[in-house]
Amino acid sequence: MTTLKLLRRRRFLPLFTTQLLNAFNDNLYKTAMVLFVVYFVYNSEEAEGLFSAVASGLFILPFFLLSAVAGQLADMRDKARIIRIVKMCEIGLMLIGAMGLYLSWRGFEMPVSIPLGFTTIDTTFPIVLLLFALFLTGVQSTFLGPIKYAILPQHLHKDEVLAGTGLVEAGTYVAILAGTILAGWIPVQFAAASIIGVSILGYISARQVPSAPPLGKVEKIDWHIIRASIALVRNTMHDRQVFYAILAISFFWTIGAVLFIQFPPLAKNVIMASKEVASVFLVVFSIGVAIGSVTINHMLKGDVSARYSPLSVIVMGAFVVAFYVVCKLWQADQPTDLLDVAEFIAWPMATVLLLCLLGISVAGGMFVVPLYAFLTTRVSTDQASRTIAANNIVNSGAMVGGALLAMALTAAGLPIAEQLLLSAAMCLISAWLGHRLHRAELRDQIALAAA
């Protein structure tokens, strides 16, 4: 009943709508861009893998560079005003992205070479526009991220916060799925028009979000991004449980980044599937994380604990190995033409492939969701935004590292399918970090009981 009432309240509905539209538009643009370039611009597995890695790295990079400033702003300035400014800027960046999509669709070419240290990507001006807009999308998400959770306790009553958080999470998942699915099915020129329209709606919604001034002491903001980032991470990770939780989350998303980089070129070159099937892969992954989240919450019965995390990520690694084996068997009887969704579903072992992918994401959700709870239950409320921002810095640094590793392996000629085994091996390190977190958790419980 409380949930339904919140959807009728101005102190919640505009924020909920703004976040929903933001998640939808981000995923519509990212997915439409990557799928169009992989399927219609490039014609080699190496070029497609490199582009997918570059795109992932550019989207993540702002989280690494700007999260410290974003966290300080969220705690020291009116959160609603920041939301409105960011959403107004989104209209401009989506115009850039839409231009890139339109020019690519029209076949406009202006050769550009991008040096990347160990390799060089030969591309065109529209692709540069697409990547620039994607980087700006990451900047936008960096500044909105810490606000999404920190603003709720200011606008909602204490007994409404859980319901409000659940609605925001559910809305975000629905929006991610909707944007991902739509991107795989509509023509790219329609996607270009849609992202502009949705960004305008998002700004209109953001203007209705009530004011949310800072709660604690207003301190001077450190605009030096390197110094601020180091200080923020150092001040946040002194607690052992927060320290291990952030490290484990970061390594998990490194694995996730590598997998997401691999999906589009793997779907095209190994599975021989259309872009619609590639979007189905991404949707199945998102659904699996949601299922894993619900499952682990039920198993823990509301207790914030990492006791199931090590086993969960080991199971995830086993499913990655199974996914790799199915891909190799698939290659032995590979289609000659790209399969549409119906043809893919009818192909031998398609069900097994999707179940392996679902297993990866369900186990991943069970691993990572409890770890996020440590970030909000081990710090004071007025430090919440900065804790999330510190987590974003470490996470994004690890994910950029994963993207660079994927680029290096692709440039070295390692096939996409073989790179899956790297993701499986990294699950063992995540399991060790989860184990260390659980040991720290048990030690703190024993010390608290003895006090």
Protein backbone atom coordinates (compact mmCIF):
# COMPACT_ATOMS: atom_id res chain seq x y z
CA MET A 1 0.00 0.00 0.00
CA THR A 2 2.86 2.35 0.88
CA THR A 3 4.45 1.60 -2.51
CA LEU A 4 1.33 2.62 -4.43
CA LYS A 5 0.96 5.80 -2.38
CA LEU A 6 4.55 6.83 -3.17
CA LEU A 7 3.82 6.78 -6.90
CA ARG A 8 1.22 9.51 -6.28
CA ARG A 9 3.55 11.76 -4.27
CA ARG A 10 5.53 14.63 -5.82
CA ARG A 11 8.33 13.98 -3.32
CA PHE A 12 8.94 10.62 -5.05
CA LEU A 13 7.29 10.31 -8.49
CA PRO A 14 9.45 12.91 -10.37
CA LEU A 15 12.66 11.33 -9.05
CA PHE A 16 11.41 7.84 -9.93
CA THR A 17 10.41 8.95 -13.44
CA THR A 18 13.69 10.80 -14.02
CA GLN A 19 15.77 7.79 -12.97
CA LEU A 20 13.64 5.45 -15.09
CA LEU A 21 13.99 7.63 -18.20
CA ASN A 22 17.73 8.05 -17.58
CA ALA A 23 18.37 4.29 -17.35
CA PHE A 24 16.19 3.67 -20.41
CA ASN A 25 17.93 6.30 -22.54
CA ASP A 26 21.46 5.27 -21.50
CA ASN A 27 20.84 1.67 -22.47
CA LEU A 28 18.94 2.53 -25.65
CA TYR A 29 21.85 4.64 -26.86
CA LYS A 30 24.70 2.36 -25.72
CA THR A 31 23.13 -0.81 -27.08
CA ALA A 32 21.94 0.75 -30.36
CA MET A 33 25.39 2.22 -30.96
CA VAL A 34 27.41 -0.93 -30.20
CA LEU A 35 25.09 -3.27 -32.13
CA PHE A 36 24.96 -0.98 -35.18
CA VAL A 37 28.74 -0.56 -35.34
CA VAL A 38 29.47 -4.26 -34.73
CA TYR A 39 26.91 -5.49 -37.27
CA PHE A 40 26.91 -2.80 -39.96
CA VAL A 41 30.19 -0.86 -39.81
CA TYR A 42 33.02 -3.29 -39.09
CA ASN A 43 33.61 -6.64 -40.76
CA SER A 44 36.25 -8.38 -38.66
CA GLU A 45 36.15 -9.97 -35.21
CA GLU A 46 39.29 -8.07 -34.17
CA ALA A 47 37.91 -4.63 -35.12
CA GLU A 48 34.55 -5.39 -33.51
CA GLY A 49 36.17 -6.63 -30.30
CA LEU A 50 38.40 -3.56 -30.11
CA PHE A 51 35.47 -1.19 -30.67
CA SER A 52 33.37 -2.92 -28.02
CA ALA A 53 36.26 -2.67 -25.54
CA VAL A 54 36.95 1.00 -26.36
CA ALA A 55 33.25 1.83 -25.99
CA SER A 56 33.06 0.11 -22.58
CA GLY A 57 36.25 1.78 -21.38
CA LEU A 58 35.13 5.26 -22.43
CA PHE A 59 31.76 4.90 -20.69
CA ILE A 60 33.41 3.72 -17.47
CA LEU A 61 36.35 6.17 -17.43
CA PRO A 62 34.36 9.18 -16.06
CA PHE A 63 33.39 7.14 -12.98
CA PHE A 64 37.09 6.72 -12.26
CA LEU A 65 37.99 10.36 -12.91
CA LEU A 66 35.01 12.27 -11.54
CA SER A 67 33.32 10.18 -8.83
CA ALA A 68 35.14 12.00 -6.02
CA VAL A 69 33.84 15.38 -7.18
CA ALA A 70 30.38 13.89 -7.83
CA GLY A 71 30.20 12.44 -4.31
CA GLN A 72 31.24 15.74 -2.72
CA LEU A 73 28.70 17.69 -4.78
CA ALA A 74 25.91 15.28 -3.85
CA ASP A 75 26.64 15.70 -0.13
CA MET A 76 27.45 19.45 -0.19
CA ARG A 77 24.94 20.90 -2.69
CA ASP A 78 21.23 20.69 -3.43
CA LYS A 79 20.78 17.27 -5.03
CA ALA A 80 17.68 18.29 -6.98
CA ARG A 81 19.54 21.20 -8.60
CA ILE A 82 22.36 18.87 -9.67
CA ILE A 83 19.81 16.50 -11.22
CA ARG A 84 18.24 19.33 -13.24
CA ILE A 85 21.61 20.59 -14.51
CA VAL A 86 22.75 17.11 -15.52
CA LYS A 87 19.48 16.31 -17.29
CA MET A 88 19.63 19.57 -19.22
CA CYS A 89 23.15 18.65 -20.40
CA GLU A 90 21.83 15.24 -21.45
CA ILE A 91 19.80 16.85 -24.23
CA GLY A 92 23.00 18.23 -25.76
CA LEU A 93 24.99 15.00 -25.49
CA MET A 94 22.13 12.97 -26.99
CA LEU A 95 22.04 15.40 -29.93
CA ILE A 96 25.72 14.56 -30.50
CA GLY A 97 25.00 10.83 -30.23
CA ALA A 98 22.00 11.09 -32.55
CA MET A 99 24.12 12.91 -35.12
CA GLY A 100 26.71 10.14 -34.95
CA LEU A 101 24.04 7.45 -35.42
CA TYR A 102 22.45 9.32 -38.33
CA LEU A 103 25.75 9.97 -40.14
CA SER A 104 26.80 6.32 -39.67
CA TRP A 105 23.45 5.14 -41.00
CA ARG A 106 23.80 7.41 -44.06
CA GLY A 107 27.26 6.00 -44.73
CA PHE A 108 29.10 9.29 -44.18
CA GLU A 109 32.86 8.67 -44.03
CA MET A 110 35.75 10.85 -42.94
CA PRO A 111 38.71 8.59 -42.02
CA VAL A 112 40.23 9.07 -38.56
CA SER A 113 43.07 7.09 -36.91
CA ILE A 114 43.04 6.76 -33.11
CA PRO A 115 46.37 5.68 -31.49
CA LEU A 116 45.94 3.43 -28.45
CA GLY A 117 49.55 2.73 -27.49
CA PHE A 118 49.79 -0.92 -28.49
CA THR A 119 47.50 -0.57 -31.51
CA THR A 120 45.71 1.93 -33.74
CA ILE A 121 42.02 1.96 -34.62
CA ASP A 122 41.19 3.22 -38.10
CA THR A 123 37.68 4.61 -37.98
CA THR A 124 35.50 7.49 -39.21
CA PHE A 125 34.28 10.83 -37.88
CA PRO A 126 30.73 9.52 -37.09
CA ILE A 127 32.26 6.77 -34.94
CA VAL A 128 34.29 9.41 -33.06
CA LEU A 129 31.05 11.34 -32.45
CA LEU A 130 29.39 8.17 -31.13
CA LEU A 131 32.25 7.46 -28.74
CA PHE A 132 32.41 11.08 -27.56
CA ALA A 133 28.68 11.05 -26.76
CA LEU A 134 29.13 7.74 -24.94
CA PHE A 135 31.91 9.27 -22.81
CA LEU A 136 29.61 12.20 -21.96
CA THR A 137 26.86 9.71 -21.06
CA GLY A 138 29.30 8.20 -18.57
CA VAL A 139 29.97 11.67 -17.15
CA GLN A 140 26.23 12.17 -16.68
CA SER A 141 25.82 8.82 -14.93
CA THR A 142 28.80 9.58 -12.69
CA PHE A 143 27.09 12.68 -11.27
CA LEU A 144 23.65 11.08 -10.95
CA GLY A 145 24.86 7.83 -9.37
CA PRO A 146 25.58 9.01 -5.80
CA ILE A 147 22.32 11.01 -5.72
CA LYS A 148 19.96 8.17 -6.63
CA TYR A 149 20.12 6.55 -3.19
CA ALA A 150 21.22 9.47 -1.01
CA ILE A 151 18.23 11.65 -1.90
CA LEU A 152 15.56 9.15 -0.83
CA PRO A 153 15.96 9.57 2.96
CA GLN A 154 15.46 13.32 2.51
CA HIS A 155 12.18 13.05 0.59
CA LEU A 156 10.65 9.95 2.19
CA HIS A 157 9.58 9.08 5.71
CA LYS A 158 11.64 6.46 7.52
CA ASP A 159 9.04 3.73 6.93
CA GLU A 160 8.90 4.60 3.22
CA VAL A 161 12.63 4.41 2.37
CA LEU A 162 12.70 0.63 1.81
CA ALA A 163 9.65 0.76 -0.46
CA GLY A 164 11.08 3.74 -2.34
CA THR A 165 14.46 2.05 -2.83
CA GLY A 166 12.71 -1.09 -4.09
CA LEU A 167 10.67 0.93 -6.58
CA VAL A 168 13.76 2.76 -7.89
CA GLU A 169 15.62 -0.56 -8.30
CA ALA A 170 12.67 -2.25 -9.99
CA GLY A 171 12.11 0.75 -12.28
CA THR A 172 15.80 0.82 -13.19
CA TYR A 173 15.80 -2.87 -14.15
CA VAL A 174 12.63 -2.48 -16.22
CA ALA A 175 14.10 0.58 -17.96
CA ILE A 176 17.40 -1.21 -18.67
CA LEU A 177 15.55 -4.16 -20.19
CA ALA A 178 13.23 -1.93 -22.22
CA GLY A 179 16.11 0.17 -23.60
CA THR A 180 18.20 -2.91 -24.42
CA ILE A 181 15.35 -4.74 -26.14
CA LEU A 182 14.22 -1.70 -28.12
CA ALA A 183 17.78 -0.98 -29.29
CA GLY A 184 18.05 -4.45 -30.78
CA TRP A 185 14.81 -4.26 -32.73
CA ILE A 186 14.24 -0.73 -34.04
CA PRO A 187 16.15 0.80 -37.00
CA VAL A 188 19.09 2.96 -35.98
CA GLN A 189 17.54 6.16 -37.38
CA PHE A 190 14.53 5.67 -35.07
CA ALA A 191 16.89 5.13 -32.14
CA ALA A 192 18.59 8.46 -32.98
CA ALA A 193 15.28 10.31 -32.80
CA SER A 194 14.14 8.45 -29.68
CA ILE A 195 17.16 9.32 -27.53
CA ILE A 196 16.60 13.03 -28.16
CA GLY A 197 12.90 12.81 -27.27
CA VAL A 198 13.53 10.79 -24.09
CA SER A 199 16.24 13.22 -22.92
CA ILE A 200 13.75 16.11 -23.22
CA LEU A 201 11.16 14.16 -21.21
CA GLY A 202 13.83 13.42 -18.59
CA TYR A 203 14.62 17.12 -18.18
CA ILE A 204 10.92 18.00 -17.82
CA SER A 205 10.58 15.33 -15.13
CA ALA A 206 13.76 16.50 -13.35
CA ARG A 207 12.34 20.03 -12.99
CA GLN A 208 9.63 18.60 -10.72
CA VAL A 209 12.02 16.98 -8.21
CA PRO A 210 11.68 18.79 -4.84
CA SER A 211 14.69 20.56 -3.32
CA ALA A 212 17.15 18.36 -1.37
CA PRO A 213 19.72 20.58 0.43
CA PRO A 214 22.80 19.10 2.16
CA LEU A 215 22.16 17.32 5.47
CA GLY A 216 25.54 17.52 7.22
CA LYS A 217 28.22 20.15 7.57
CA VAL A 218 28.91 21.90 4.26
CA GLU A 219 32.61 21.55 3.54
CA LYS A 220 34.77 23.04 0.81
CA ILE A 221 34.78 20.92 -2.35
CA ASP A 222 38.17 19.71 -3.58
CA TRP A 223 38.10 20.11 -7.37
CA HIS A 224 41.51 18.46 -7.85
CA ILE A 225 40.22 15.14 -9.19
CA ILE A 226 43.33 13.05 -8.45
CA ARG A 227 43.89 14.36 -4.92
CA ALA A 228 40.16 14.21 -4.15
CA SER A 229 39.88 10.65 -5.47
CA ILE A 230 42.82 9.40 -3.41
CA ALA A 231 41.53 11.12 -0.26
CA LEU A 232 38.00 9.82 -0.78
CA VAL A 233 39.07 6.21 -1.27
CA ARG A 234 41.50 6.39 1.68
CA ASN A 235 38.87 7.86 4.02
CA THR A 236 36.23 5.34 2.97
CA MET A 237 38.17 2.08 2.99
CA HIS A 238 39.54 2.19 6.55
CA ASP A 239 36.71 -0.15 7.62
CA ARG A 240 37.75 -3.73 6.77
CA GLN A 241 34.29 -4.83 5.71
CA VAL A 242 33.82 -1.80 3.43
CA PHE A 243 37.38 -2.35 2.12
CA TYR A 244 36.81 -5.99 1.14
CA ALA A 245 33.28 -5.29 -0.11
CA ILE A 246 34.55 -2.60 -2.50
CA LEU A 247 37.42 -4.80 -3.72
CA ALA A 248 35.11 -7.76 -4.30
CA ILE A 249 32.50 -5.63 -6.09
CA SER A 250 35.23 -4.10 -8.25
CA PHE A 251 36.63 -7.43 -9.32
CA PHE A 252 33.15 -8.73 -10.04
CA TRP A 253 32.40 -5.81 -12.36
CA THR A 254 35.77 -6.31 -14.04
CA ILE A 255 34.52 -9.78 -14.97
CA GLY A 256 31.17 -8.28 -15.99
CA ALA A 257 32.87 -5.67 -18.17
CA VAL A 258 34.91 -8.30 -20.00
CA LEU A 259 31.79 -10.42 -20.57
CA PHE A 260 29.76 -7.47 -21.88
CA ILE A 261 32.61 -6.52 -24.21
CA GLN A 262 32.64 -10.07 -25.59
CA PHE A 263 28.89 -10.54 -26.09
CA PRO A 264 28.20 -8.55 -29.31
CA PRO A 265 31.22 -9.79 -31.35
CA LEU A 266 30.78 -13.30 -29.93
CA ALA A 267 27.11 -13.35 -30.95
CA LYS A 268 27.98 -12.25 -34.48
CA ASN A 269 31.16 -14.23 -35.18
CA VAL A 270 30.85 -17.37 -33.03
CA ILE A 271 27.11 -17.92 -32.64
CA MET A 272 26.40 -16.39 -36.08
CA ALA A 273 23.35 -14.58 -34.69
CA SER A 274 21.68 -11.30 -35.64
CA LYS A 275 21.77 -8.11 -33.58
CA GLU A 276 18.31 -8.97 -32.22
CA VAL A 277 19.78 -12.16 -30.73
CA ALA A 278 22.72 -10.16 -29.33
CA SER A 279 20.24 -7.91 -27.54
CA VAL A 280 18.51 -11.04 -26.19
CA PHE A 281 21.86 -12.08 -24.66
CA LEU A 282 22.09 -8.75 -22.84
CA VAL A 283 18.46 -9.00 -21.69
CA VAL A 284 18.96 -12.53 -20.33
CA PHE A 285 22.01 -11.31 -18.43
CA SER A 286 20.04 -8.44 -16.84
CA ILE A 287 17.12 -10.71 -15.93
CA GLY A 288 19.53 -13.18 -14.35
CA VAL A 289 21.09 -10.51 -12.11
CA ALA A 290 17.58 -9.50 -10.98
CA ILE A 291 16.69 -13.15 -10.21
CA GLY A 292 19.94 -13.55 -8.30
CA SER A 293 19.19 -10.41 -6.29
CA VAL A 294 15.76 -11.66 -5.23
CA THR A 295 17.08 -15.16 -4.49
CA ILE A 296 19.92 -14.06 -2.23
CA ASN A 297 17.68 -11.61 -0.36
CA HIS A 298 15.29 -14.50 0.34
CA MET A 299 18.13 -16.77 1.47
CA LEU A 300 19.61 -14.15 3.79
CA LYS A 301 16.20 -13.13 5.17
CA GLY A 302 17.21 -9.48 5.47
CA ASP A 303 20.58 -10.19 7.12
CA VAL A 304 23.50 -8.26 5.61
CA SER A 305 26.08 -11.03 5.16
CA ALA A 306 28.65 -12.24 2.63
CA ARG A 307 28.44 -15.89 3.68
CA TYR A 308 27.07 -17.05 0.31
CA SER A 309 29.28 -14.79 -1.84
CA PRO A 310 32.36 -17.06 -2.29
CA LEU A 311 30.28 -20.06 -3.37
CA SER A 312 28.09 -17.91 -5.64
CA VAL A 313 31.02 -16.56 -7.65
CA ILE A 314 32.60 -20.03 -7.96
CA VAL A 315 29.29 -21.25 -9.42
CA MET A 316 29.40 -18.25 -11.75
CA GLY A 317 32.85 -19.28 -12.95
CA ALA A 318 31.62 -22.84 -13.57
CA PHE A 319 28.79 -21.50 -15.74
CA VAL A 320 31.29 -19.34 -17.69
CA VAL A 321 33.32 -22.50 -18.45
CA ALA A 322 30.11 -24.29 -19.50
CA PHE A 323 29.23 -21.32 -21.74
CA TYR A 324 32.68 -21.57 -23.34
CA VAL A 325 32.27 -25.32 -23.97
CA VAL A 326 28.87 -24.76 -25.62
CA CYS A 327 30.38 -22.02 -27.81
CA LYS A 328 33.12 -24.40 -28.98
CA LEU A 329 30.57 -27.12 -29.75
CA TRP A 330 28.48 -24.50 -31.56
CA GLN A 331 31.45 -23.60 -33.75
CA ALA A 332 31.74 -27.24 -34.83
CA ASP A 333 28.28 -26.96 -36.42
CA GLN A 334 28.19 -23.23 -37.15
CA PRO A 335 25.44 -21.65 -39.33
CA THR A 336 26.56 -20.10 -42.61
CA ASP A 337 24.25 -17.07 -42.31
CA LEU A 338 23.24 -14.89 -39.37
CA LEU A 339 20.33 -16.41 -37.44
CA ASP A 340 17.30 -14.35 -36.50
CA VAL A 341 15.67 -14.92 -33.09
CA ALA A 342 13.34 -17.72 -34.27
CA GLU A 343 16.14 -19.52 -36.12
CA PHE A 344 18.47 -19.14 -33.14
CA ILE A 345 15.93 -20.62 -30.72
CA ALA A 346 15.39 -23.57 -33.09
CA TRP A 347 19.13 -24.24 -33.46
CA PRO A 348 20.56 -27.23 -31.50
CA MET A 349 22.00 -26.26 -28.09
CA ALA A 350 20.46 -22.75 -28.13
CA THR A 351 18.51 -23.53 -24.96
CA VAL A 352 21.66 -24.83 -23.25
CA LEU A 353 23.55 -21.69 -24.29
CA LEU A 354 20.89 -19.40 -22.84
CA LEU A 355 20.68 -21.44 -19.63
CA CYS A 356 24.46 -21.14 -19.18
CA LEU A 357 24.20 -17.38 -19.69
CA LEU A 358 21.31 -17.21 -17.21
CA GLY A 359 23.35 -19.24 -14.70
CA ILE A 360 26.27 -16.82 -15.01
CA SER A 361 24.09 -13.80 -14.28
CA VAL A 362 21.98 -15.39 -11.49
CA ALA A 363 25.11 -16.50 -9.63
CA GLY A 364 26.67 -13.09 -10.26
CA GLY A 365 23.65 -11.32 -8.78
CA MET A 366 23.78 -13.56 -5.71
CA PHE A 367 27.45 -12.67 -5.26
CA VAL A 368 27.36 -8.90 -5.67
CA VAL A 369 24.03 -7.74 -4.18
CA PRO A 370 24.86 -8.45 -0.49
CA LEU A 371 28.17 -6.64 -0.93
CA TYR A 372 26.41 -3.39 -1.85
CA ALA A 373 24.51 -3.59 1.45
CA PHE A 374 27.81 -3.24 3.32
CA LEU A 375 28.36 0.13 1.68
CA THR A 376 25.11 1.57 3.08
CA THR A 377 24.99 -0.17 6.48
CA ARG A 378 28.59 0.45 7.62
CA VAL A 379 28.69 4.25 7.22
CA SER A 380 26.68 7.20 8.54
CA THR A 381 23.87 8.65 6.43
CA ASP A 382 25.68 11.92 5.69
CA GLN A 383 28.61 9.92 4.25
CA ALA A 384 26.49 7.70 2.00
CA SER A 385 27.05 9.59 -1.26
CA ARG A 386 30.82 9.71 -0.77
CA THR A 387 30.97 6.00 0.09
CA ILE A 388 29.10 5.15 -3.11
CA ALA A 389 31.38 7.51 -5.01
CA ALA A 390 34.51 5.84 -3.56
CA ASN A 391 33.10 2.47 -4.59
CA ASN A 392 32.49 3.87 -8.09
CA ILE A 393 36.13 5.04 -8.34
CA VAL A 394 37.58 1.63 -7.45
CA ASN A 395 34.95 -0.23 -9.51
CA SER A 396 35.50 1.88 -12.60
CA GLY A 397 39.29 1.69 -12.31
CA ALA A 398 39.05 -2.10 -12.25
CA MET A 399 36.56 -2.12 -15.15
CA VAL A 400 38.75 0.15 -17.27
CA GLY A 401 41.58 -2.26 -16.54
CA GLY A 402 39.36 -5.13 -17.70
CA ALA A 403 38.50 -3.26 -20.90
CA LEU A 404 42.20 -2.58 -21.58
CA LEU A 405 43.00 -6.24 -20.97
CA ALA A 406 40.27 -7.30 -23.41
CA MET A 407 41.63 -4.84 -25.99
CA ALA A 408 45.17 -6.17 -25.55
CA LEU A 409 44.07 -9.80 -25.90
CA THR A 410 42.03 -8.96 -29.01
CA ALA A 411 44.95 -7.02 -30.52
CA ALA A 412 47.20 -9.99 -29.76
CA GLY A 413 44.88 -12.19 -31.83
CA LEU A 414 43.28 -14.24 -29.02
CA PRO A 415 39.82 -15.32 -30.26
CA ILE A 416 36.78 -13.92 -28.43
CA ALA A 417 35.61 -17.38 -27.31
CA GLU A 418 38.97 -18.12 -25.63
CA GLN A 419 38.73 -14.87 -23.67
CA LEU A 420 35.78 -16.36 -21.80
CA LEU A 421 38.22 -18.58 -19.91
CA LEU A 422 39.92 -15.45 -18.55
CA SER A 423 36.59 -14.38 -17.02
CA ALA A 424 36.22 -17.83 -15.44
CA ALA A 425 39.71 -17.64 -13.90
CA MET A 426 39.00 -14.18 -12.44
CA CYS A 427 36.01 -15.65 -10.58
CA LEU A 428 38.48 -17.50 -8.33
CA ILE A 429 40.02 -14.20 -7.22
CA SER A 430 36.52 -12.80 -6.55
CA ALA A 431 35.75 -15.88 -4.43
CA TRP A 432 38.91 -15.27 -2.37
CA LEU A 433 37.95 -11.62 -1.80
CA GLY A 434 34.42 -12.68 -0.80
CA HIS A 435 35.92 -15.16 1.67
CA ARG A 436 38.13 -12.46 3.17
CA LEU A 437 35.09 -10.21 3.57
CA HIS A 438 33.13 -12.94 5.34
CA ARG A 439 36.05 -13.59 7.71
CA ALA A 440 36.21 -9.86 8.54
CA GLU A 441 32.46 -9.90 9.10
CA LEU A 442 32.71 -12.83 11.54
CA ARG A 443 35.62 -11.23 13.44
CA ASP A 444 33.67 -8.01 13.91
CA GLN A 445 30.61 -9.94 15.10
CA ILE A 446 32.72 -11.83 17.67
CA ALA A 447 34.35 -8.59 18.86
CA LEU A 448 30.93 -6.91 19.19
CA ALA A 449 29.53 -9.85 21.18
CA ALA A 450 32.51 -9.80 23.52
CA ALA A 451 32.27 -6.04 24.15
